[in-house]
Amino acid sequence: MGGYAAAAPTLLIPPPWGEAAWLVGGTVLTVGGALGITYLMSKPRATTNTDAKAVPKATECQDCNKKRYTVRVHAQGVDCGGTSASTIGAPAITQPTPVTVGQGLGLSATTQAMLGKRQLAVRVDVIAKAENYIQTGPASGGRMGQKSFPVFGVAGGIRYDVDCFGDGPSFVS
């Protein structure tokens, strides 16, 4: 259909030649574009060279034994982008040491700053529960996995999530 729009200037030519040029030109451009896209989509993708590469010895590997801890705090629901899977949140923290309670509360504050007034107002109670969850774990860090705090009585999967993944628990004191 885009071919007809591209051929629209031919309609300035007096009838019947302008209309004929528009019809033929629009058809040629539309069919040609469709065939060109089909041709490009059928070509195999370029592959990278997969020759064997030297694998570093265990003593040469600098990151082999380092642990990784990742924490993410985000709001989720239809009010965050149109679907129940839509999210708004601060970028995750990934580091070689467990994430502290202070860092977790900082992520929560950053996420709250990204929310609009209505988004924040509907989550006030569950944000308090999430921050209590971050603060009340064991001092050695006892939080691992994903914890959701749903807003009950509201449609659209509206909730506040705290995700802790990596090589061990986070939220150490």
N, C-alpha and C. Protein backbone atom coordinates (compact mmCIF):
# COMPACT_ATOMS: atom_id res chain seq x y z
N MET A 1 0.82 -1.19 0.00
CA MET A 1 0.00 0.00 0.00
C MET A 1 0.86 1.25 0.00
N GLY A 2 2.08 1.16 0.50
CA GLY A 2 2.95 2.33 0.55
C GLY A 2 3.36 2.81 -0.83
N GLY A 3 3.31 1.91 -1.81
CA GLY A 3 3.66 2.29 -3.18
C GLY A 3 2.70 3.31 -3.74
N TYR A 4 1.44 3.21 -3.39
CA TYR A 4 0.43 4.16 -3.88
C TYR A 4 0.66 5.53 -3.28
N ALA A 5 1.06 5.57 -2.04
CA ALA A 5 1.36 6.86 -1.42
C ALA A 5 2.57 7.50 -2.08
N ALA A 6 3.58 6.69 -2.41
CA ALA A 6 4.77 7.21 -3.06
C ALA A 6 4.46 7.70 -4.47
N ALA A 7 3.48 7.10 -5.13
CA ALA A 7 3.11 7.48 -6.49
C ALA A 7 2.09 8.61 -6.51
N ALA A 8 1.67 9.12 -5.38
CA ALA A 8 0.63 10.14 -5.30
C ALA A 8 0.93 11.40 -6.11
N PRO A 9 2.19 11.85 -6.24
CA PRO A 9 2.43 13.05 -7.05
C PRO A 9 1.98 12.92 -8.50
N THR A 10 1.87 11.70 -9.02
CA THR A 10 1.42 11.53 -10.40
C THR A 10 -0.05 11.92 -10.56
N LEU A 11 -0.78 12.04 -9.48
CA LEU A 11 -2.18 12.45 -9.57
C LEU A 11 -2.31 13.92 -9.96
N LEU A 12 -1.21 14.66 -9.95
CA LEU A 12 -1.23 16.05 -10.38
C LEU A 12 -1.28 16.18 -11.90
N ILE A 13 -0.95 15.11 -12.60
CA ILE A 13 -1.03 15.09 -14.06
C ILE A 13 -2.51 15.03 -14.44
N PRO A 14 -2.93 15.80 -15.44
CA PRO A 14 -4.36 15.82 -15.81
C PRO A 14 -4.88 14.43 -16.17
N PRO A 15 -6.17 14.16 -15.83
CA PRO A 15 -6.77 12.86 -16.17
C PRO A 15 -6.79 12.64 -17.68
N PRO A 16 -6.78 11.45 -18.16
CA PRO A 16 -6.74 10.18 -17.45
C PRO A 16 -5.32 9.70 -17.18
N TRP A 17 -4.30 10.43 -17.72
CA TRP A 17 -2.92 9.95 -17.62
C TRP A 17 -2.40 9.93 -16.18
N GLY A 18 -2.78 10.88 -15.39
CA GLY A 18 -2.31 10.92 -14.01
C GLY A 18 -2.83 9.75 -13.19
N GLU A 19 -4.13 9.46 -13.37
CA GLU A 19 -4.71 8.33 -12.63
C GLU A 19 -4.11 7.01 -13.09
N ALA A 20 -3.86 6.88 -14.37
CA ALA A 20 -3.26 5.64 -14.90
C ALA A 20 -1.84 5.49 -14.37
N ALA A 21 -1.08 6.59 -14.39
CA ALA A 21 0.30 6.53 -13.88
C ALA A 21 0.30 6.20 -12.39
N TRP A 22 -0.64 6.77 -11.63
CA TRP A 22 -0.73 6.48 -10.19
C TRP A 22 -1.04 5.01 -9.97
N LEU A 23 -2.00 4.45 -10.73
CA LEU A 23 -2.40 3.06 -10.54
C LEU A 23 -1.26 2.11 -10.90
N VAL A 24 -0.63 2.32 -12.04
CA VAL A 24 0.46 1.44 -12.47
C VAL A 24 1.68 1.63 -11.57
N GLY A 25 2.05 2.88 -11.32
CA GLY A 25 3.24 3.13 -10.49
C GLY A 25 3.08 2.63 -9.07
N GLY A 26 1.91 2.84 -8.48
CA GLY A 26 1.65 2.35 -7.13
C GLY A 26 1.70 0.85 -7.04
N THR A 27 1.14 0.18 -8.06
CA THR A 27 1.15 -1.29 -8.09
C THR A 27 2.58 -1.80 -8.21
N VAL A 28 3.35 -1.20 -9.13
CA VAL A 28 4.74 -1.64 -9.32
C VAL A 28 5.56 -1.44 -8.04
N LEU A 29 5.40 -0.28 -7.41
CA LEU A 29 6.16 -0.02 -6.19
C LEU A 29 5.74 -0.95 -5.05
N THR A 30 4.45 -1.23 -4.90
CA THR A 30 3.98 -2.10 -3.83
C THR A 30 4.44 -3.53 -4.05
N VAL A 31 4.24 -4.05 -5.26
CA VAL A 31 4.65 -5.44 -5.55
C VAL A 31 6.17 -5.56 -5.49
N GLY A 32 6.87 -4.57 -6.05
CA GLY A 32 8.34 -4.60 -6.01
C GLY A 32 8.88 -4.57 -4.59
N GLY A 33 8.26 -3.75 -3.74
CA GLY A 33 8.69 -3.69 -2.34
C GLY A 33 8.46 -5.01 -1.63
N ALA A 34 7.30 -5.62 -1.87
CA ALA A 34 7.00 -6.91 -1.24
C ALA A 34 7.98 -7.98 -1.69
N LEU A 35 8.27 -8.01 -3.00
CA LEU A 35 9.23 -9.00 -3.51
C LEU A 35 10.63 -8.75 -2.97
N GLY A 36 11.02 -7.47 -2.86
CA GLY A 36 12.34 -7.15 -2.31
C GLY A 36 12.47 -7.58 -0.86
N ILE A 37 11.44 -7.34 -0.08
CA ILE A 37 11.47 -7.76 1.33
C ILE A 37 11.52 -9.28 1.43
N THR A 38 10.73 -9.97 0.60
CA THR A 38 10.74 -11.44 0.60
C THR A 38 12.13 -11.95 0.24
N TYR A 39 12.76 -11.34 -0.74
CA TYR A 39 14.11 -11.76 -1.14
C TYR A 39 15.11 -11.55 -0.01
N LEU A 40 15.05 -10.39 0.61
CA LEU A 40 15.99 -10.11 1.70
C LEU A 40 15.77 -11.02 2.89
N MET A 41 14.52 -11.34 3.19
CA MET A 41 14.22 -12.22 4.32
C MET A 41 14.65 -13.66 4.05
N SER A 42 14.73 -14.06 2.77
CA SER A 42 15.07 -15.45 2.45
C SER A 42 16.57 -15.69 2.41
N LYS A 43 17.37 -14.62 2.35
CA LYS A 43 18.83 -14.78 2.32
C LYS A 43 19.32 -15.28 3.66
N PRO A 44 20.27 -16.21 3.66
CA PRO A 44 20.81 -16.67 4.95
C PRO A 44 21.59 -15.55 5.62
N ARG A 45 21.52 -15.54 6.93
CA ARG A 45 22.24 -14.52 7.68
C ARG A 45 23.73 -14.81 7.66
N ALA A 46 24.50 -13.75 7.73
CA ALA A 46 25.94 -13.91 7.79
C ALA A 46 26.31 -14.56 9.11
N THR A 47 27.24 -15.47 9.05
CA THR A 47 27.67 -16.13 10.28
C THR A 47 29.07 -15.65 10.64
N THR A 48 29.36 -15.71 11.88
CA THR A 48 30.69 -15.31 12.34
C THR A 48 31.63 -16.49 12.25
N ASN A 49 32.88 -16.19 12.22
CA ASN A 49 33.90 -17.22 12.17
C ASN A 49 33.92 -17.95 13.51
N THR A 50 33.70 -19.24 13.50
CA THR A 50 33.65 -20.01 14.74
C THR A 50 34.86 -20.93 14.88
N ASP A 51 35.99 -20.46 14.40
CA ASP A 51 37.21 -21.25 14.56
C ASP A 51 37.50 -21.44 16.04
N ALA A 52 38.15 -22.54 16.34
CA ALA A 52 38.50 -22.81 17.74
C ALA A 52 39.48 -21.75 18.22
N LYS A 53 39.24 -21.28 19.40
CA LYS A 53 40.12 -20.28 20.00
C LYS A 53 40.78 -20.89 21.22
N ALA A 54 41.92 -20.37 21.54
CA ALA A 54 42.65 -20.88 22.69
C ALA A 54 41.87 -20.56 23.96
N VAL A 55 41.67 -21.56 24.79
CA VAL A 55 40.98 -21.38 26.06
C VAL A 55 42.04 -21.06 27.11
N PRO A 56 41.86 -20.00 27.87
CA PRO A 56 42.88 -19.66 28.87
C PRO A 56 42.96 -20.73 29.95
N LYS A 57 44.16 -20.90 30.44
CA LYS A 57 44.36 -21.84 31.54
C LYS A 57 43.68 -21.30 32.78
N ALA A 58 43.41 -22.17 33.74
CA ALA A 58 42.72 -21.76 34.96
C ALA A 58 43.46 -20.63 35.67
N THR A 59 44.77 -20.61 35.56
CA THR A 59 45.53 -19.56 36.23
C THR A 59 45.42 -18.23 35.49
N GLU A 60 45.07 -18.27 34.19
CA GLU A 60 44.95 -17.06 33.41
C GLU A 60 43.57 -16.43 33.50
N CYS A 61 42.58 -17.19 33.94
CA CYS A 61 41.21 -16.71 34.00
C CYS A 61 41.04 -15.79 35.21
N GLN A 62 40.75 -14.52 34.95
CA GLN A 62 40.66 -13.57 36.04
C GLN A 62 39.29 -13.57 36.71
N ASP A 63 38.23 -13.90 35.97
CA ASP A 63 36.87 -13.85 36.52
C ASP A 63 36.29 -15.22 36.84
N CYS A 64 37.09 -16.27 36.74
CA CYS A 64 36.57 -17.62 36.90
C CYS A 64 35.95 -17.87 38.27
N ASN A 65 36.58 -17.41 39.31
CA ASN A 65 36.11 -17.74 40.66
C ASN A 65 35.37 -16.59 41.34
N LYS A 66 35.08 -15.54 40.61
CA LYS A 66 34.38 -14.42 41.22
C LYS A 66 32.88 -14.70 41.28
N LYS A 67 32.30 -14.36 42.39
CA LYS A 67 30.86 -14.51 42.54
C LYS A 67 30.17 -13.26 42.02
N ARG A 68 28.91 -13.41 41.68
CA ARG A 68 28.10 -12.30 41.22
C ARG A 68 26.79 -12.27 41.99
N TYR A 69 26.39 -11.11 42.42
CA TYR A 69 25.13 -10.89 43.13
C TYR A 69 24.35 -9.83 42.34
N THR A 70 23.09 -10.11 42.07
CA THR A 70 22.26 -9.18 41.31
C THR A 70 20.95 -8.95 42.03
N VAL A 71 20.57 -7.67 42.14
CA VAL A 71 19.31 -7.29 42.77
C VAL A 71 18.61 -6.28 41.87
N ARG A 72 17.31 -6.46 41.73
CA ARG A 72 16.48 -5.54 40.94
C ARG A 72 15.19 -5.28 41.71
N VAL A 73 14.76 -4.02 41.75
CA VAL A 73 13.48 -3.63 42.37
C VAL A 73 12.69 -2.89 41.30
N HIS A 74 11.46 -3.38 41.02
CA HIS A 74 10.68 -2.75 39.96
C HIS A 74 9.18 -2.85 40.20
N ALA A 75 8.46 -1.90 39.59
CA ALA A 75 7.00 -1.91 39.60
C ALA A 75 6.54 -2.60 38.33
N GLN A 76 5.44 -3.32 38.44
CA GLN A 76 4.96 -4.06 37.28
C GLN A 76 3.45 -3.95 37.20
N GLY A 77 2.92 -3.96 35.98
CA GLY A 77 1.48 -3.95 35.78
C GLY A 77 1.05 -3.15 34.57
N VAL A 78 -0.27 -3.18 34.30
CA VAL A 78 -0.80 -2.50 33.12
C VAL A 78 -0.59 -0.99 33.18
N ASP A 79 -0.47 -0.42 34.35
CA ASP A 79 -0.26 1.02 34.45
C ASP A 79 1.20 1.42 34.19
N CYS A 80 2.05 0.43 33.93
CA CYS A 80 3.46 0.70 33.68
C CYS A 80 3.83 0.56 32.21
N GLY A 81 2.85 0.38 31.35
CA GLY A 81 3.20 0.29 29.94
C GLY A 81 2.19 -0.43 29.08
N GLY A 82 1.05 -0.79 29.61
CA GLY A 82 0.01 -1.33 28.76
C GLY A 82 -0.29 -2.80 28.93
N THR A 83 0.66 -3.58 29.45
CA THR A 83 0.40 -5.00 29.69
C THR A 83 0.75 -5.33 31.14
N SER A 84 0.26 -6.48 31.60
CA SER A 84 0.56 -6.88 32.97
C SER A 84 2.04 -7.23 33.14
N ALA A 85 2.76 -7.44 32.03
CA ALA A 85 4.19 -7.77 32.09
C ALA A 85 5.07 -6.52 31.97
N SER A 86 4.47 -5.34 31.81
CA SER A 86 5.25 -4.11 31.67
C SER A 86 5.87 -3.73 33.01
N THR A 87 7.10 -3.23 32.95
CA THR A 87 7.80 -2.88 34.19
C THR A 87 8.42 -1.49 34.11
N ILE A 88 8.57 -0.88 35.27
CA ILE A 88 9.32 0.36 35.45
C ILE A 88 10.22 0.11 36.65
N GLY A 89 11.50 0.40 36.51
CA GLY A 89 12.37 0.19 37.64
C GLY A 89 13.78 0.68 37.40
N ALA A 90 14.49 0.83 38.48
CA ALA A 90 15.88 1.24 38.43
C ALA A 90 16.71 0.12 37.82
N PRO A 91 17.83 0.45 37.17
CA PRO A 91 18.71 -0.59 36.65
C PRO A 91 19.19 -1.51 37.79
N ALA A 92 19.33 -2.77 37.48
CA ALA A 92 19.75 -3.75 38.49
C ALA A 92 21.18 -3.47 38.95
N ILE A 93 21.46 -3.88 40.17
CA ILE A 93 22.83 -3.83 40.70
C ILE A 93 23.42 -5.23 40.52
N THR A 94 24.59 -5.30 39.90
CA THR A 94 25.32 -6.56 39.78
C THR A 94 26.74 -6.29 40.26
N GLN A 95 27.17 -7.05 41.24
CA GLN A 95 28.49 -6.82 41.84
C GLN A 95 29.04 -8.12 42.40
N PRO A 96 30.35 -8.15 42.72
CA PRO A 96 30.96 -9.38 43.22
C PRO A 96 30.73 -9.64 44.71
N THR A 97 30.11 -8.71 45.43
CA THR A 97 29.81 -8.90 46.85
C THR A 97 28.30 -8.82 47.05
N PRO A 98 27.78 -9.40 48.13
CA PRO A 98 26.33 -9.32 48.36
C PRO A 98 25.84 -7.87 48.42
N VAL A 99 24.66 -7.64 47.88
CA VAL A 99 24.05 -6.31 47.89
C VAL A 99 23.60 -6.01 49.32
N THR A 100 23.85 -4.79 49.76
CA THR A 100 23.50 -4.41 51.14
C THR A 100 22.04 -3.95 51.23
N VAL A 101 21.55 -3.87 52.47
CA VAL A 101 20.20 -3.37 52.73
C VAL A 101 20.08 -1.94 52.19
N GLY A 102 21.09 -1.12 52.43
CA GLY A 102 21.07 0.27 51.96
C GLY A 102 20.97 0.37 50.45
N GLN A 103 21.72 -0.49 49.74
CA GLN A 103 21.65 -0.49 48.29
C GLN A 103 20.26 -0.91 47.81
N GLY A 104 19.67 -1.88 48.49
CA GLY A 104 18.32 -2.33 48.13
C GLY A 104 17.29 -1.24 48.33
N LEU A 105 17.40 -0.52 49.45
CA LEU A 105 16.48 0.59 49.70
C LEU A 105 16.72 1.73 48.70
N GLY A 106 17.96 1.90 48.29
CA GLY A 106 18.27 2.90 47.26
C GLY A 106 17.63 2.55 45.92
N LEU A 107 17.67 1.26 45.56
CA LEU A 107 16.99 0.82 44.33
C LEU A 107 15.49 1.09 44.42
N SER A 108 14.92 0.82 45.58
CA SER A 108 13.49 1.06 45.77
C SER A 108 13.17 2.55 45.63
N ALA A 109 13.99 3.39 46.22
CA ALA A 109 13.76 4.85 46.13
C ALA A 109 13.89 5.32 44.68
N THR A 110 14.85 4.79 43.95
CA THR A 110 15.03 5.17 42.55
C THR A 110 13.84 4.73 41.71
N THR A 111 13.35 3.53 41.97
CA THR A 111 12.17 3.04 41.25
C THR A 111 10.96 3.91 41.56
N GLN A 112 10.77 4.27 42.81
CA GLN A 112 9.65 5.13 43.19
C GLN A 112 9.73 6.48 42.49
N ALA A 113 10.93 7.00 42.32
CA ALA A 113 11.10 8.29 41.65
C ALA A 113 10.73 8.21 40.17
N MET A 114 10.78 7.02 39.61
CA MET A 114 10.44 6.83 38.20
C MET A 114 8.93 6.70 37.97
N LEU A 115 8.18 6.45 39.03
CA LEU A 115 6.74 6.25 38.91
C LEU A 115 5.99 7.57 38.90
N GLY A 116 4.85 7.58 38.21
CA GLY A 116 3.97 8.74 38.23
C GLY A 116 3.18 8.76 39.53
N LYS A 117 2.45 9.84 39.76
CA LYS A 117 1.69 9.99 41.01
C LYS A 117 0.69 8.87 41.20
N ARG A 118 -0.07 8.53 40.16
CA ARG A 118 -1.07 7.46 40.28
C ARG A 118 -0.42 6.09 40.47
N GLN A 119 0.66 5.86 39.73
CA GLN A 119 1.37 4.58 39.86
C GLN A 119 1.91 4.41 41.28
N LEU A 120 2.42 5.46 41.83
CA LEU A 120 2.97 5.43 43.18
C LEU A 120 1.85 5.28 44.22
N ALA A 121 0.77 6.03 44.04
CA ALA A 121 -0.33 6.02 45.02
C ALA A 121 -0.95 4.63 45.16
N VAL A 122 -1.09 3.89 44.07
CA VAL A 122 -1.72 2.58 44.14
C VAL A 122 -0.80 1.54 44.80
N ARG A 123 0.50 1.84 44.87
CA ARG A 123 1.47 0.88 45.40
C ARG A 123 2.02 1.25 46.78
N VAL A 124 1.53 2.28 47.41
CA VAL A 124 2.10 2.76 48.69
C VAL A 124 2.21 1.63 49.71
N ASP A 125 1.15 0.87 49.90
CA ASP A 125 1.17 -0.20 50.92
C ASP A 125 2.14 -1.32 50.57
N VAL A 126 2.16 -1.73 49.29
CA VAL A 126 3.05 -2.85 48.93
C VAL A 126 4.51 -2.41 48.88
N ILE A 127 4.77 -1.13 48.62
CA ILE A 127 6.16 -0.64 48.68
C ILE A 127 6.66 -0.73 50.11
N ALA A 128 5.82 -0.39 51.06
CA ALA A 128 6.21 -0.50 52.48
C ALA A 128 6.52 -1.95 52.84
N LYS A 129 5.70 -2.89 52.34
CA LYS A 129 5.94 -4.31 52.60
C LYS A 129 7.24 -4.77 51.95
N ALA A 130 7.52 -4.30 50.72
CA ALA A 130 8.75 -4.69 50.03
C ALA A 130 9.98 -4.16 50.77
N GLU A 131 9.92 -2.92 51.23
CA GLU A 131 11.06 -2.36 51.95
C GLU A 131 11.24 -3.03 53.30
N ASN A 132 10.17 -3.45 53.94
CA ASN A 132 10.26 -4.22 55.18
C ASN A 132 10.92 -5.58 54.90
N TYR A 133 10.58 -6.20 53.78
CA TYR A 133 11.18 -7.46 53.36
C TYR A 133 12.68 -7.30 53.18
N ILE A 134 13.11 -6.19 52.57
CA ILE A 134 14.53 -5.93 52.36
C ILE A 134 15.25 -5.76 53.70
N GLN A 135 14.63 -5.07 54.63
CA GLN A 135 15.29 -4.72 55.90
C GLN A 135 15.28 -5.84 56.93
N THR A 136 14.33 -6.75 56.90
CA THR A 136 14.17 -7.70 58.00
C THR A 136 14.80 -9.07 57.75
N GLY A 137 15.58 -9.21 56.71
CA GLY A 137 16.25 -10.49 56.48
C GLY A 137 17.39 -10.69 57.46
N PRO A 138 17.99 -11.87 57.47
CA PRO A 138 19.14 -12.12 58.34
C PRO A 138 20.29 -11.15 58.03
N ALA A 139 21.06 -10.81 59.04
CA ALA A 139 22.17 -9.86 58.88
C ALA A 139 23.20 -10.35 57.87
N SER A 140 23.30 -11.68 57.73
CA SER A 140 24.27 -12.25 56.80
C SER A 140 23.74 -12.27 55.37
N GLY A 141 22.55 -11.78 55.16
CA GLY A 141 21.95 -11.77 53.82
C GLY A 141 21.14 -13.03 53.60
N GLY A 142 19.86 -12.93 53.68
CA GLY A 142 19.05 -14.14 53.58
C GLY A 142 18.01 -14.10 52.49
N ARG A 143 18.11 -13.18 51.57
CA ARG A 143 17.10 -13.06 50.53
C ARG A 143 17.65 -13.58 49.21
N MET A 144 16.87 -14.48 48.59
CA MET A 144 17.28 -15.06 47.32
C MET A 144 16.02 -15.35 46.52
N GLY A 145 16.05 -15.11 45.23
CA GLY A 145 14.90 -15.38 44.37
C GLY A 145 14.06 -14.15 44.15
N GLN A 146 12.86 -14.37 43.62
CA GLN A 146 11.97 -13.26 43.29
C GLN A 146 10.81 -13.22 44.26
N LYS A 147 10.52 -12.03 44.80
CA LYS A 147 9.42 -11.84 45.74
C LYS A 147 8.51 -10.75 45.19
N SER A 148 7.23 -11.08 45.02
CA SER A 148 6.25 -10.13 44.49
C SER A 148 5.33 -9.65 45.60
N PHE A 149 4.95 -8.41 45.52
CA PHE A 149 4.01 -7.80 46.45
C PHE A 149 2.86 -7.24 45.62
N PRO A 150 1.81 -8.07 45.38
CA PRO A 150 0.71 -7.63 44.52
C PRO A 150 -0.23 -6.67 45.23
N VAL A 151 -0.83 -5.78 44.43
CA VAL A 151 -1.85 -4.87 44.92
C VAL A 151 -3.18 -5.59 44.73
N PHE A 152 -3.83 -5.97 45.81
CA PHE A 152 -5.09 -6.71 45.72
C PHE A 152 -6.26 -5.77 45.47
N GLY A 153 -7.25 -6.26 44.74
CA GLY A 153 -8.44 -5.47 44.46
C GLY A 153 -8.30 -4.56 43.25
N VAL A 154 -7.17 -4.64 42.54
CA VAL A 154 -6.95 -3.82 41.36
C VAL A 154 -6.57 -4.75 40.22
N ALA A 155 -7.22 -4.59 39.08
CA ALA A 155 -6.94 -5.45 37.93
C ALA A 155 -5.66 -5.01 37.23
N GLY A 156 -5.06 -5.93 36.48
CA GLY A 156 -3.92 -5.59 35.63
C GLY A 156 -2.57 -6.02 36.13
N GLY A 157 -2.50 -6.92 37.08
CA GLY A 157 -1.20 -7.43 37.54
C GLY A 157 -0.33 -6.37 38.19
N ILE A 158 -0.93 -5.41 38.86
CA ILE A 158 -0.17 -4.32 39.47
C ILE A 158 0.51 -4.84 40.74
N ARG A 159 1.85 -4.68 40.77
CA ARG A 159 2.61 -5.16 41.92
C ARG A 159 3.96 -4.47 42.00
N TYR A 160 4.70 -4.79 43.05
CA TYR A 160 6.04 -4.27 43.29
C TYR A 160 6.92 -5.49 43.55
N ASP A 161 8.00 -5.64 42.81
CA ASP A 161 8.82 -6.85 42.89
C ASP A 161 10.23 -6.55 43.39
N VAL A 162 10.77 -7.51 44.14
CA VAL A 162 12.16 -7.47 44.58
C VAL A 162 12.79 -8.77 44.09
N ASP A 163 13.79 -8.67 43.20
CA ASP A 163 14.45 -9.84 42.63
C ASP A 163 15.89 -9.91 43.13
N CYS A 164 16.28 -11.05 43.72
CA CYS A 164 17.65 -11.28 44.18
C CYS A 164 18.16 -12.56 43.52
N PHE A 165 19.12 -12.40 42.63
CA PHE A 165 19.67 -13.56 41.94
C PHE A 165 21.19 -13.50 41.98
N GLY A 166 21.81 -14.60 41.67
CA GLY A 166 23.26 -14.64 41.65
C GLY A 166 23.78 -15.84 42.40
N ASP A 167 24.97 -15.70 42.94
CA ASP A 167 25.66 -16.82 43.58
C ASP A 167 25.39 -16.94 45.07
N GLY A 168 24.53 -16.12 45.60
CA GLY A 168 24.22 -16.20 47.02
C GLY A 168 23.19 -15.16 47.43
N PRO A 169 22.74 -15.22 48.67
CA PRO A 169 21.72 -14.27 49.14
C PRO A 169 22.28 -12.85 49.29
N SER A 170 21.36 -11.89 49.20
CA SER A 170 21.74 -10.48 49.32
C SER A 170 21.01 -9.83 50.48
N PHE A 171 21.16 -8.53 50.56
CA PHE A 171 20.61 -7.66 51.61
C PHE A 171 21.28 -7.94 52.96
N VAL A 172 22.62 -7.84 52.93
CA VAL A 172 23.38 -7.97 54.16
C VAL A 172 23.36 -6.65 54.91
N SER A 173 23.47 -6.70 56.22
CA SER A 173 23.46 -5.48 57.04
C SER A 173 24.84 -4.88 57.11
